[in-house]
Structure formats: structure tokens, C-alpha cells
Amino acid sequence: MITYADDKVVICGPGPTRVIRDEKDGQDRWCFKCRKRREFRFIVTTAVDWEHDYYGPSGSIHCAVCHLTDGDCFPGRYRMWGEE
């Protein structure tokens, strides 16, 4: 949602989130930002007010050192989550 107030644009995004799962994701892999083999973490987050969250929990893979999302994917590539 976008609202205009005094010639300023306010974009209302998702509220605060919390981590509900954080675990190691397989073996160490190459991180394209660190340029080294690193541990990657599978992290699932959900809205703090999960009863009113439209999207539900969301999963992602992060480098344990630089925290880059999908850092093990070749640059320009990313993971698609959900139904195929």
C-alpha cells in the first residue's frame, strides 16, 4: 500500500518478523560473496503477529558468515519457493 502525506511516499510493508527455524543446510558450499567454502543456514521466518499475516512463513538459505541470501547460487540466479 502506498499513501501520500505532505509530498512524501510511505510504503507499508510487512511487519516485524521472528525466526522460527534456523538449522544447518547440508554440507559447506561455495559462497560467491565470500569467495570461500562456507556453512549455509536454512532459516524460516514468520510475522510476529502471525494470525494476521497474509503470506505465512517464508524460508531462505543464508551464508553463515556474510548472511547473503542464496549466496551459494551463481550470480544472477535465485531459489524459487512454493509449488512447481
C-alpha atoms as a PDB file:
ATOM      1  CA  MET A   1       0.000   0.000   0.000  1.00  0.00           C
ATOM      2  CA  ILE A   2       1.272   3.479  -0.830  1.00  0.00           C
ATOM      3  CA  THR A   3      -0.016   6.571   0.922  1.00  0.00           C
ATOM      4  CA  TYR A   4       0.940  10.156   0.262  1.00  0.00           C
ATOM      5  CA  ALA A   5       1.456  12.535   3.179  1.00  0.00           C
ATOM      6  CA  ASP A   6       2.963  16.008   2.735  1.00  0.00           C
ATOM      7  CA  ASP A   7       4.576  15.087  -0.619  1.00  0.00           C
ATOM      8  CA  LYS A   8       6.283  12.062   0.937  1.00  0.00           C
ATOM      9  CA  VAL A   9       5.686   8.488  -0.140  1.00  0.00           C
ATOM     10  CA  VAL A  10       5.141   5.948   2.633  1.00  0.00           C
ATOM     11  CA  ILE A  11       5.308   2.294   1.652  1.00  0.00           C
ATOM     12  CA  CYS A  12       3.707  -0.040   4.158  1.00  0.00           C
ATOM     13  CA  GLY A  13       5.480  -3.370   4.095  1.00  0.00           C
ATOM     14  CA  PRO A  14       5.400  -6.474   6.243  1.00  0.00           C
ATOM     15  CA  GLY A  15       5.631  -6.018   9.982  1.00  0.00           C
ATOM     16  CA  PRO A  16       8.371  -7.328  12.251  1.00  0.00           C
ATOM     17  CA  THR A  17       9.366 -10.960  11.843  1.00  0.00           C
ATOM     18  CA  ARG A  18      10.808 -13.655  14.073  1.00  0.00           C
ATOM     19  CA  VAL A  19      12.881 -16.732  13.282  1.00  0.00           C
ATOM     20  CA  ILE A  20      11.047 -19.992  13.895  1.00  0.00           C
ATOM     21  CA  ARG A  21      13.694 -22.318  12.426  1.00  0.00           C
ATOM     22  CA  ASP A  22      17.459 -21.937  11.955  1.00  0.00           C
ATOM     23  CA  GLU A  23      19.467 -25.023  11.054  1.00  0.00           C
ATOM     24  CA  LYS A  24      22.494 -26.053   9.005  1.00  0.00           C
ATOM     25  CA  ASP A  25      21.635 -26.676   5.351  1.00  0.00           C
ATOM     26  CA  GLY A  26      23.714 -29.612   4.131  1.00  0.00           C
ATOM     27  CA  GLN A  27      27.467 -29.551   3.643  1.00  0.00           C
ATOM     28  CA  ASP A  28      29.639 -26.454   3.276  1.00  0.00           C
ATOM     29  CA  ARG A  29      29.334 -24.846  -0.177  1.00  0.00           C
ATOM     30  CA  TRP A  30      30.967 -22.094  -2.174  1.00  0.00           C
ATOM     31  CA  CYS A  31      29.755 -18.585  -1.264  1.00  0.00           C
ATOM     32  CA  PHE A  32      30.044 -16.236  -4.221  1.00  0.00           C
ATOM     33  CA  LYS A  33      30.310 -13.160  -1.957  1.00  0.00           C
ATOM     34  CA  CYS A  34      32.901 -14.543   0.495  1.00  0.00           C
ATOM     35  CA  ARG A  35      34.651 -16.456  -2.321  1.00  0.00           C
ATOM     36  CA  LYS A  36      35.245 -19.360   0.069  1.00  0.00           C
ATOM     37  CA  ARG A  37      33.528 -22.566   1.156  1.00  0.00           C
ATOM     38  CA  ARG A  38      31.106 -21.653   3.936  1.00  0.00           C
ATOM     39  CA  GLU A  39      28.351 -23.136   6.053  1.00  0.00           C
ATOM     40  CA  PHE A  40      24.850 -22.235   4.892  1.00  0.00           C
ATOM     41  CA  ARG A  41      21.788 -21.933   7.123  1.00  0.00           C
ATOM     42  CA  PHE A  42      18.155 -22.736   6.350  1.00  0.00           C
ATOM     43  CA  ILE A  43      16.108 -20.022   8.038  1.00  0.00           C
ATOM     44  CA  VAL A  44      12.313 -19.828   8.295  1.00  0.00           C
ATOM     45  CA  THR A  45      10.742 -16.571   9.447  1.00  0.00           C
ATOM     46  CA  THR A  46       7.176 -15.566  10.178  1.00  0.00           C
ATOM     47  CA  ALA A  47       5.435 -12.366  11.195  1.00  0.00           C
ATOM     48  CA  VAL A  48       5.334 -11.616  14.906  1.00  0.00           C
ATOM     49  CA  ASP A  49       1.569 -11.183  14.523  1.00  0.00           C
ATOM     50  CA  TRP A  50       1.229 -14.421  12.539  1.00  0.00           C
ATOM     51  CA  GLU A  51      -2.564 -14.573  12.886  1.00  0.00           C
ATOM     52  CA  HIS A  52      -2.903 -11.561  10.581  1.00  0.00           C
ATOM     53  CA  ASP A  53      -0.043 -12.426   8.213  1.00  0.00           C
ATOM     54  CA  TYR A  54      -1.239 -12.884   4.635  1.00  0.00           C
ATOM     55  CA  TYR A  55       1.813 -14.753   3.353  1.00  0.00           C
ATOM     56  CA  GLY A  56       2.649 -17.157   6.189  1.00  0.00           C
ATOM     57  CA  PRO A  57       6.161 -18.443   6.966  1.00  0.00           C
ATOM     58  CA  SER A  58       8.944 -17.898   4.427  1.00  0.00           C
ATOM     59  CA  GLY A  59      12.124 -19.914   4.021  1.00  0.00           C
ATOM     60  CA  SER A  60      15.543 -18.829   2.796  1.00  0.00           C
ATOM     61  CA  ILE A  61      19.144 -20.031   2.604  1.00  0.00           C
ATOM     62  CA  HIS A  62      21.812 -17.695   4.036  1.00  0.00           C
ATOM     63  CA  CYS A  63      25.602 -17.811   4.241  1.00  0.00           C
ATOM     64  CA  ALA A  64      26.504 -18.219   7.926  1.00  0.00           C
ATOM     65  CA  VAL A  65      29.335 -15.650   7.619  1.00  0.00           C
ATOM     66  CA  CYS A  66      28.181 -12.828   5.298  1.00  0.00           C
ATOM     67  CA  HIS A  67      24.427 -13.621   5.606  1.00  0.00           C
ATOM     68  CA  LEU A  68      23.859 -13.261   1.847  1.00  0.00           C
ATOM     69  CA  THR A  69      20.602 -14.866   0.732  1.00  0.00           C
ATOM     70  CA  ASP A  70      21.183 -17.569  -1.918  1.00  0.00           C
ATOM     71  CA  GLY A  71      24.921 -16.848  -1.806  1.00  0.00           C
ATOM     72  CA  ASP A  72      25.612 -20.387  -2.994  1.00  0.00           C
ATOM     73  CA  CYS A  73      23.737 -19.779  -6.261  1.00  0.00           C
ATOM     74  CA  PHE A  74      25.670 -18.439  -9.249  1.00  0.00           C
ATOM     75  CA  PRO A  75      25.293 -14.624  -9.534  1.00  0.00           C
ATOM     76  CA  GLY A  76      22.001 -13.704 -11.175  1.00  0.00           C
ATOM     77  CA  ARG A  77      20.302 -16.907 -10.012  1.00  0.00           C
ATOM     78  CA  TYR A  78      17.964 -17.406  -7.046  1.00  0.00           C
ATOM     79  CA  ARG A  79      15.748 -20.058  -5.498  1.00  0.00           C
ATOM     80  CA  MET A  80      12.023 -20.245  -6.168  1.00  0.00           C
ATOM     81  CA  TRP A  81       9.952 -21.438  -3.194  1.00  0.00           C
ATOM     82  CA  GLY A  82       6.474 -22.860  -3.354  1.00  0.00           C
ATOM     83  CA  GLU A  83       4.517 -25.012  -5.764  1.00  0.00           C
ATOM     84  CA  GLU A  84       6.037 -26.095  -9.051  1.00  0.00           C
END
